[in-house]
Amino acid sequence: MSNVGRHGVRTDGRFEFTCASCGGVAATLAVVDDDQPIDAGALPDGARLSWSPGAPSYRLEFVNVNTGTAPDGLVDLVSDLDEVDPLVVRRIDWELAAFCCHVCELNYCSKCWSNWVEFDDDFYDCTRGRCPAGHEQMLDD
């Protein structure tokens, strides 16, 4: 897919990043105020898990749903923006921009990454992947 921008565009309160390979959604990143609950995704029984961290927080949907307290600088970075560059987000926390290839600097969705899980002594260690151009990197730690 050609001419796909790397920047995430603010849509419905979150930044949506487009996959450079298929044109679908590569990832979404929401940054919320400290008084709002975070939706951490569905539980096995279909109920939703949400929590209130009491501080500004984030919700990233990429390989899985990742939530947490917003790292220093993230709230200030995105507060007044309609678009955000994942390369700038990566400087704050690499995991919040893991969908963006370190080499070709393009966004890819979890389906377009060829990914695999690595274990250390039978415990989850990380998820690694190879982008459509063949560049390998860590996607989740």
Foldseek 3Di string as FASTA:
>chain_A
DPDADQKFFDDPQWTFGAAPPPRHTQKIKHKDAQVDWDFQQADPVRDTDIDRPNGIKMWMCALHTDIDHDFPPPCVQPVPDRIGHLVVVCVRPVLNSLQQAPPVRHGHGPVQWAKDWDDDPNHTDFIKTAHNVGGIDTNGD
